[in-house]
Amino acid sequence: MAGVRPASRFVVAAALLTGLPGMARAQAEAAAPDGVPTEQPMPGSAALEAVAWLAGCWRVESPDGQNAAEEQWMAPRGGLMVGMSRSIRGGVARGHEFLTIRVEDGTLVYHAVPSGQQPTDFRARDAEGWRLEFVNAEHDFPQKIIYTRGDDDRVEAAVFGDVDDSEPAFAIPYRRVSCPG
C-alpha cells in the first residue's frame, strides 16, 4: 500500500479483517471431523466444470491498439464463474460488463450487468462440448449469446438480436492472452 498514510493502512486493514469471522465460521462448518476443511460439491458443479474452458483472459484489438474488446473469466468455484469485460474505442474505455454463470434449477444461467443497463439473466439452451448458447426471448437486445471455443487460444462470442436469428448482429473473435496482474 505504497503512498497510503500509516493511519489509512490501519483503517483499510481493519475493514478487510471484518469479513474474517464469517469466513472462519464457514470454514469450520465445512470442516471434516479431523478439523481439515473439505471442499463441498455444489449442486450443478459438474455443469459448471464442463464450461471451465471459458476461464481465462480473452482479447481482440485493432492493428493500432486503439480499439479492443477484453473479457476475463475466473474458473468455477463455489458454484459460480465470475467474469468481466470492457470495450475500448479510441484508447478510451467506452463500456464494461460484470458477468456470472451459475446453475439454477439444473440449468446454467448467464447473468449480465452491462454498464448503464439493468441486469439480465439468460438461460442455457445448449451447453455441449465447446459451445454455450444462452437465451432470453423477453430481453430487447440481445436475446441470444453464443460462446464457441475454436481451440485452446480462440473463443468467439456471437451476439444475436433475436432468439431465432441464424446470423449474429456481431461476433467478437477473442484470442487467449495472459491475464494482467
C-alpha atoms as a PDB file:
ATOM      1  CA  MET A   1       0.000   0.000   0.000  1.00  0.00           C
ATOM      2  CA  ALA A   2       2.654   2.449  -1.091  1.00  0.00           C
ATOM      3  CA  GLY A   3       1.545   6.054  -0.897  1.00  0.00           C
ATOM      4  CA  VAL A   4      -1.044   5.351   1.820  1.00  0.00           C
ATOM      5  CA  ARG A   5      -0.550   7.003   5.207  1.00  0.00           C
ATOM      6  CA  PRO A   6       0.017   4.632   8.178  1.00  0.00           C
ATOM      7  CA  ALA A   7      -3.326   5.562   9.786  1.00  0.00           C
ATOM      8  CA  SER A   8      -5.106   4.871   6.487  1.00  0.00           C
ATOM      9  CA  ARG A   9      -3.368   1.478   6.241  1.00  0.00           C
ATOM     10  CA  PHE A  10      -4.822   0.586   9.635  1.00  0.00           C
ATOM     11  CA  VAL A  11      -8.347   1.540   8.525  1.00  0.00           C
ATOM     12  CA  VAL A  12      -8.003  -0.465   5.295  1.00  0.00           C
ATOM     13  CA  ALA A  13      -6.596  -3.489   7.167  1.00  0.00           C
ATOM     14  CA  ALA A  14      -9.393  -3.298   9.766  1.00  0.00           C
ATOM     15  CA  ALA A  15     -12.015  -3.128   7.017  1.00  0.00           C
ATOM     16  CA  LEU A  16     -10.565  -6.205   5.317  1.00  0.00           C
ATOM     17  CA  LEU A  17     -10.425  -8.144   8.579  1.00  0.00           C
ATOM     18  CA  THR A  18     -14.083  -7.551   9.450  1.00  0.00           C
ATOM     19  CA  GLY A  19     -15.040 -10.263   6.960  1.00  0.00           C
ATOM     20  CA  LEU A  20     -12.729 -12.860   8.502  1.00  0.00           C
ATOM     21  CA  PRO A  21     -15.007 -14.067  11.354  1.00  0.00           C
ATOM     22  CA  GLY A  22     -17.709 -15.039   8.848  1.00  0.00           C
ATOM     23  CA  MET A  23     -15.151 -16.773   6.643  1.00  0.00           C
ATOM     24  CA  ALA A  24     -13.750 -18.662   9.643  1.00  0.00           C
ATOM     25  CA  ARG A  25     -17.241 -19.795  10.655  1.00  0.00           C
ATOM     26  CA  ALA A  26     -17.968 -21.025   7.101  1.00  0.00           C
ATOM     27  CA  GLN A  27     -14.677 -22.917   7.041  1.00  0.00           C
ATOM     28  CA  ALA A  28     -15.409 -24.518  10.418  1.00  0.00           C
ATOM     29  CA  GLU A  29     -18.852 -25.608   9.229  1.00  0.00           C
ATOM     30  CA  ALA A  30     -17.296 -27.202   6.138  1.00  0.00           C
ATOM     31  CA  ALA A  31     -14.516 -28.897   8.152  1.00  0.00           C
ATOM     32  CA  ALA A  32     -14.200 -32.652   8.351  1.00  0.00           C
ATOM     33  CA  PRO A  33     -14.182 -34.302  11.818  1.00  0.00           C
ATOM     34  CA  ASP A  34     -10.384 -34.090  11.885  1.00  0.00           C
ATOM     35  CA  GLY A  35     -10.652 -30.299  11.557  1.00  0.00           C
ATOM     36  CA  VAL A  36      -9.368 -30.124   7.971  1.00  0.00           C
ATOM     37  CA  PRO A  37     -11.663 -28.040   5.745  1.00  0.00           C
ATOM     38  CA  THR A  38     -13.196 -30.029   2.908  1.00  0.00           C
ATOM     39  CA  GLU A  39     -14.445 -28.823  -0.445  1.00  0.00           C
ATOM     40  CA  GLN A  40     -18.188 -29.428  -0.603  1.00  0.00           C
ATOM     41  CA  PRO A  41     -19.556 -30.216  -4.060  1.00  0.00           C
ATOM     42  CA  MET A  42     -22.083 -27.610  -5.135  1.00  0.00           C
ATOM     43  CA  PRO A  43     -25.320 -28.622  -6.851  1.00  0.00           C
ATOM     44  CA  GLY A  44     -24.688 -28.358 -10.586  1.00  0.00           C
ATOM     45  CA  SER A  45     -20.925 -28.126 -10.175  1.00  0.00           C
ATOM     46  CA  ALA A  46     -20.465 -30.720 -12.940  1.00  0.00           C
ATOM     47  CA  ALA A  47     -22.308 -28.410 -15.351  1.00  0.00           C
ATOM     48  CA  LEU A  48     -20.017 -25.524 -14.412  1.00  0.00           C
ATOM     49  CA  GLU A  49     -16.901 -27.699 -14.667  1.00  0.00           C
ATOM     50  CA  ALA A  50     -17.982 -28.640 -18.197  1.00  0.00           C
ATOM     51  CA  VAL A  51     -17.735 -24.968 -19.231  1.00  0.00           C
ATOM     52  CA  ALA A  52     -14.491 -24.255 -17.368  1.00  0.00           C
ATOM     53  CA  TRP A  53     -12.819 -23.920 -20.809  1.00  0.00           C
ATOM     54  CA  LEU A  54     -14.124 -20.336 -20.799  1.00  0.00           C
ATOM     55  CA  ALA A  55     -11.899 -19.451 -17.812  1.00  0.00           C
ATOM     56  CA  GLY A  56      -9.018 -17.128 -18.579  1.00  0.00           C
ATOM     57  CA  CYS A  57      -8.381 -13.850 -20.349  1.00  0.00           C
ATOM     58  CA  TRP A  58      -9.528 -13.131 -23.889  1.00  0.00           C
ATOM     59  CA  ARG A  59      -8.810 -10.114 -26.114  1.00  0.00           C
ATOM     60  CA  VAL A  60      -9.186  -8.808 -29.660  1.00  0.00           C
ATOM     61  CA  GLU A  61      -7.775  -5.469 -30.794  1.00  0.00           C
ATOM     62  CA  SER A  62      -7.360  -3.312 -33.862  1.00  0.00           C
ATOM     63  CA  PRO A  63      -3.919  -3.220 -35.514  1.00  0.00           C
ATOM     64  CA  ASP A  64      -3.195   0.199 -33.991  1.00  0.00           C
ATOM     65  CA  GLY A  65      -4.250  -0.967 -30.491  1.00  0.00           C
ATOM     66  CA  GLN A  66      -6.740   1.918 -30.109  1.00  0.00           C
ATOM     67  CA  ASN A  67      -9.821  -0.331 -30.205  1.00  0.00           C
ATOM     68  CA  ALA A  68     -10.164  -3.535 -28.209  1.00  0.00           C
ATOM     69  CA  ALA A  69     -12.586  -5.891 -26.531  1.00  0.00           C
ATOM     70  CA  GLU A  70     -11.473  -7.823 -23.455  1.00  0.00           C
ATOM     71  CA  GLU A  71     -13.202 -10.495 -21.421  1.00  0.00           C
ATOM     72  CA  GLN A  72     -11.913 -12.328 -18.363  1.00  0.00           C
ATOM     73  CA  TRP A  73     -13.452 -15.326 -16.568  1.00  0.00           C
ATOM     74  CA  MET A  74     -12.499 -16.915 -13.259  1.00  0.00           C
ATOM     75  CA  ALA A  75     -12.572 -20.718 -13.070  1.00  0.00           C
ATOM     76  CA  PRO A  76     -15.670 -22.293 -11.492  1.00  0.00           C
ATOM     77  CA  ARG A  77     -15.562 -22.263  -7.713  1.00  0.00           C
ATOM     78  CA  GLY A  78     -18.278 -22.347  -5.076  1.00  0.00           C
ATOM     79  CA  GLY A  79     -20.963 -22.889  -7.717  1.00  0.00           C
ATOM     80  CA  LEU A  80     -20.097 -19.751  -9.683  1.00  0.00           C
ATOM     81  CA  MET A  81     -17.983 -18.463 -12.543  1.00  0.00           C
ATOM     82  CA  VAL A  82     -17.302 -14.717 -12.397  1.00  0.00           C
ATOM     83  CA  GLY A  83     -16.434 -12.651 -15.455  1.00  0.00           C
ATOM     84  CA  MET A  84     -15.992  -9.106 -16.632  1.00  0.00           C
ATOM     85  CA  SER A  85     -15.485  -7.346 -19.922  1.00  0.00           C
ATOM     86  CA  ARG A  86     -14.638  -3.934 -21.286  1.00  0.00           C
ATOM     87  CA  SER A  87     -14.630  -2.331 -24.702  1.00  0.00           C
ATOM     88  CA  ILE A  88     -12.104   0.313 -25.675  1.00  0.00           C
ATOM     89  CA  ARG A  89     -12.552   2.739 -28.583  1.00  0.00           C
ATOM     90  CA  GLY A  90     -10.048   5.403 -29.445  1.00  0.00           C
ATOM     91  CA  GLY A  91      -7.932   4.334 -26.486  1.00  0.00           C
ATOM     92  CA  VAL A  92     -10.755   5.084 -24.005  1.00  0.00           C
ATOM     93  CA  ALA A  93     -12.911   2.532 -22.140  1.00  0.00           C
ATOM     94  CA  ARG A  94     -16.439   3.006 -23.523  1.00  0.00           C
ATOM     95  CA  GLY A  95     -18.277   0.154 -21.858  1.00  0.00           C
ATOM     96  CA  HIS A  96     -17.925  -2.617 -19.315  1.00  0.00           C
ATOM     97  CA  GLU A  97     -19.926  -5.553 -18.083  1.00  0.00           C
ATOM     98  CA  PHE A  98     -19.954  -7.734 -14.975  1.00  0.00           C
ATOM     99  CA  LEU A  99     -20.919 -11.368 -15.614  1.00  0.00           C
ATOM    100  CA  THR A 100     -21.605 -14.586 -13.750  1.00  0.00           C
ATOM    101  CA  ILE A 101     -22.510 -18.113 -14.749  1.00  0.00           C
ATOM    102  CA  ARG A 102     -24.288 -20.226 -12.142  1.00  0.00           C
ATOM    103  CA  VAL A 103     -26.574 -23.238 -12.039  1.00  0.00           C
ATOM    104  CA  GLU A 104     -30.208 -22.553 -11.180  1.00  0.00           C
ATOM    105  CA  ASP A 105     -32.861 -25.276 -11.213  1.00  0.00           C
ATOM    106  CA  GLY A 106     -30.442 -27.561 -13.064  1.00  0.00           C
ATOM    107  CA  THR A 107     -29.726 -25.034 -15.849  1.00  0.00           C
ATOM    108  CA  LEU A 108     -26.738 -22.783 -16.452  1.00  0.00           C
ATOM    109  CA  VAL A 109     -27.677 -19.113 -16.078  1.00  0.00           C
ATOM    110  CA  TYR A 110     -25.615 -16.274 -17.581  1.00  0.00           C
ATOM    111  CA  HIS A 111     -26.178 -13.092 -15.552  1.00  0.00           C
ATOM    112  CA  ALA A 112     -25.060  -9.888 -17.302  1.00  0.00           C
ATOM    113  CA  VAL A 113     -24.818  -6.411 -15.803  1.00  0.00           C
ATOM    114  CA  PRO A 114     -23.777  -4.080 -18.658  1.00  0.00           C
ATOM    115  CA  SER A 115     -22.661  -0.526 -17.900  1.00  0.00           C
ATOM    116  CA  GLY A 116     -25.640   1.772 -17.588  1.00  0.00           C
ATOM    117  CA  GLN A 117     -28.241  -1.001 -18.047  1.00  0.00           C
ATOM    118  CA  GLN A 118     -30.396  -3.287 -15.949  1.00  0.00           C
ATOM    119  CA  PRO A 119     -29.110  -6.792 -15.063  1.00  0.00           C
ATOM    120  CA  THR A 120     -30.408  -9.585 -17.285  1.00  0.00           C
ATOM    121  CA  ASP A 121     -30.403 -13.377 -16.971  1.00  0.00           C
ATOM    122  CA  PHE A 122     -30.010 -15.676 -19.976  1.00  0.00           C
ATOM    123  CA  ARG A 123     -30.673 -19.410 -19.579  1.00  0.00           C
ATOM    124  CA  ALA A 124     -28.596 -22.055 -21.342  1.00  0.00           C
ATOM    125  CA  ARG A 125     -30.354 -23.658 -24.282  1.00  0.00           C
ATOM    126  CA  ASP A 126     -27.239 -25.573 -25.290  1.00  0.00           C
ATOM    127  CA  ALA A 127     -24.068 -26.282 -23.342  1.00  0.00           C
ATOM    128  CA  GLU A 128     -22.392 -29.177 -25.093  1.00  0.00           C
ATOM    129  CA  GLY A 129     -18.694 -29.538 -25.713  1.00  0.00           C
ATOM    130  CA  TRP A 130     -17.092 -26.238 -26.654  1.00  0.00           C
ATOM    131  CA  ARG A 131     -20.347 -24.372 -27.315  1.00  0.00           C
ATOM    132  CA  LEU A 132     -22.508 -22.370 -24.904  1.00  0.00           C
ATOM    133  CA  GLU A 133     -25.813 -20.882 -26.026  1.00  0.00           C
ATOM    134  CA  PHE A 134     -27.744 -18.604 -23.665  1.00  0.00           C
ATOM    135  CA  VAL A 135     -31.173 -17.127 -24.490  1.00  0.00           C
ATOM    136  CA  ASN A 136     -33.730 -14.685 -23.113  1.00  0.00           C
ATOM    137  CA  ALA A 137     -36.626 -14.094 -25.530  1.00  0.00           C
ATOM    138  CA  GLU A 138     -38.073 -11.388 -23.237  1.00  0.00           C
ATOM    139  CA  HIS A 139     -34.979  -9.162 -23.456  1.00  0.00           C
ATOM    140  CA  ASP A 140     -34.877  -6.368 -26.054  1.00  0.00           C
ATOM    141  CA  PHE A 141     -31.257  -6.844 -27.220  1.00  0.00           C
ATOM    142  CA  PRO A 142     -29.570  -9.209 -27.276  1.00  0.00           C
ATOM    143  CA  GLN A 143     -31.803 -12.231 -26.978  1.00  0.00           C
ATOM    144  CA  LYS A 144     -29.131 -14.851 -27.656  1.00  0.00           C
ATOM    145  CA  ILE A 145     -25.414 -15.105 -26.834  1.00  0.00           C
ATOM    146  CA  ILE A 146     -23.247 -17.967 -28.078  1.00  0.00           C
ATOM    147  CA  TYR A 147     -19.694 -18.689 -26.951  1.00  0.00           C
ATOM    148  CA  THR A 148     -17.793 -21.138 -29.159  1.00  0.00           C
ATOM    149  CA  ARG A 149     -14.277 -22.298 -28.462  1.00  0.00           C
ATOM    150  CA  GLY A 150     -12.222 -22.853 -31.599  1.00  0.00           C
ATOM    151  CA  ASP A 151      -9.070 -24.212 -29.978  1.00  0.00           C
ATOM    152  CA  ASP A 152      -7.012 -23.513 -26.862  1.00  0.00           C
ATOM    153  CA  ASP A 153      -6.325 -19.952 -27.990  1.00  0.00           C
ATOM    154  CA  ARG A 154      -9.621 -18.818 -29.536  1.00  0.00           C
ATOM    155  CA  VAL A 155     -13.171 -18.162 -28.363  1.00  0.00           C
ATOM    156  CA  GLU A 156     -15.877 -16.400 -30.336  1.00  0.00           C
ATOM    157  CA  ALA A 157     -18.692 -14.545 -28.593  1.00  0.00           C
ATOM    158  CA  ALA A 158     -21.620 -14.129 -31.003  1.00  0.00           C
ATOM    159  CA  VAL A 159     -24.469 -11.765 -30.107  1.00  0.00           C
ATOM    160  CA  PHE A 160     -27.907 -12.163 -31.722  1.00  0.00           C
ATOM    161  CA  GLY A 161     -30.773  -9.671 -31.786  1.00  0.00           C
ATOM    162  CA  ASP A 162     -33.472 -12.340 -31.818  1.00  0.00           C
ATOM    163  CA  VAL A 163     -33.593 -15.857 -30.367  1.00  0.00           C
ATOM    164  CA  ASP A 164     -34.426 -17.264 -33.815  1.00  0.00           C
ATOM    165  CA  ASP A 165     -31.736 -15.382 -35.766  1.00  0.00           C
ATOM    166  CA  SER A 166     -29.245 -17.635 -37.520  1.00  0.00           C
ATOM    167  CA  GLU A 167     -26.725 -14.822 -38.132  1.00  0.00           C
ATOM    168  CA  PRO A 168     -25.333 -12.739 -35.262  1.00  0.00           C
ATOM    169  CA  ALA A 169     -25.702  -8.965 -35.053  1.00  0.00           C
ATOM    170  CA  PHE A 170     -21.966  -9.063 -34.324  1.00  0.00           C
ATOM    171  CA  ALA A 171     -19.301 -11.520 -33.235  1.00  0.00           C
ATOM    172  CA  ILE A 172     -16.129 -10.990 -31.226  1.00  0.00           C
ATOM    173  CA  PRO A 173     -13.226 -13.303 -32.200  1.00  0.00           C
ATOM    174  CA  TYR A 174     -11.239 -13.385 -28.954  1.00  0.00           C
ATOM    175  CA  ARG A 175      -7.721 -14.788 -28.587  1.00  0.00           C
ATOM    176  CA  ARG A 176      -6.394 -16.061 -25.277  1.00  0.00           C
ATOM    177  CA  VAL A 177      -3.930 -13.663 -23.635  1.00  0.00           C
ATOM    178  CA  SER A 178      -2.024 -13.648 -20.354  1.00  0.00           C
ATOM    179  CA  CYS A 179      -4.148 -12.293 -17.568  1.00  0.00           C
ATOM    180  CA  PRO A 180      -2.866  -8.943 -16.316  1.00  0.00           C
ATOM    181  CA  GLY A 181      -1.879  -8.881 -12.742  1.00  0.00           C
END
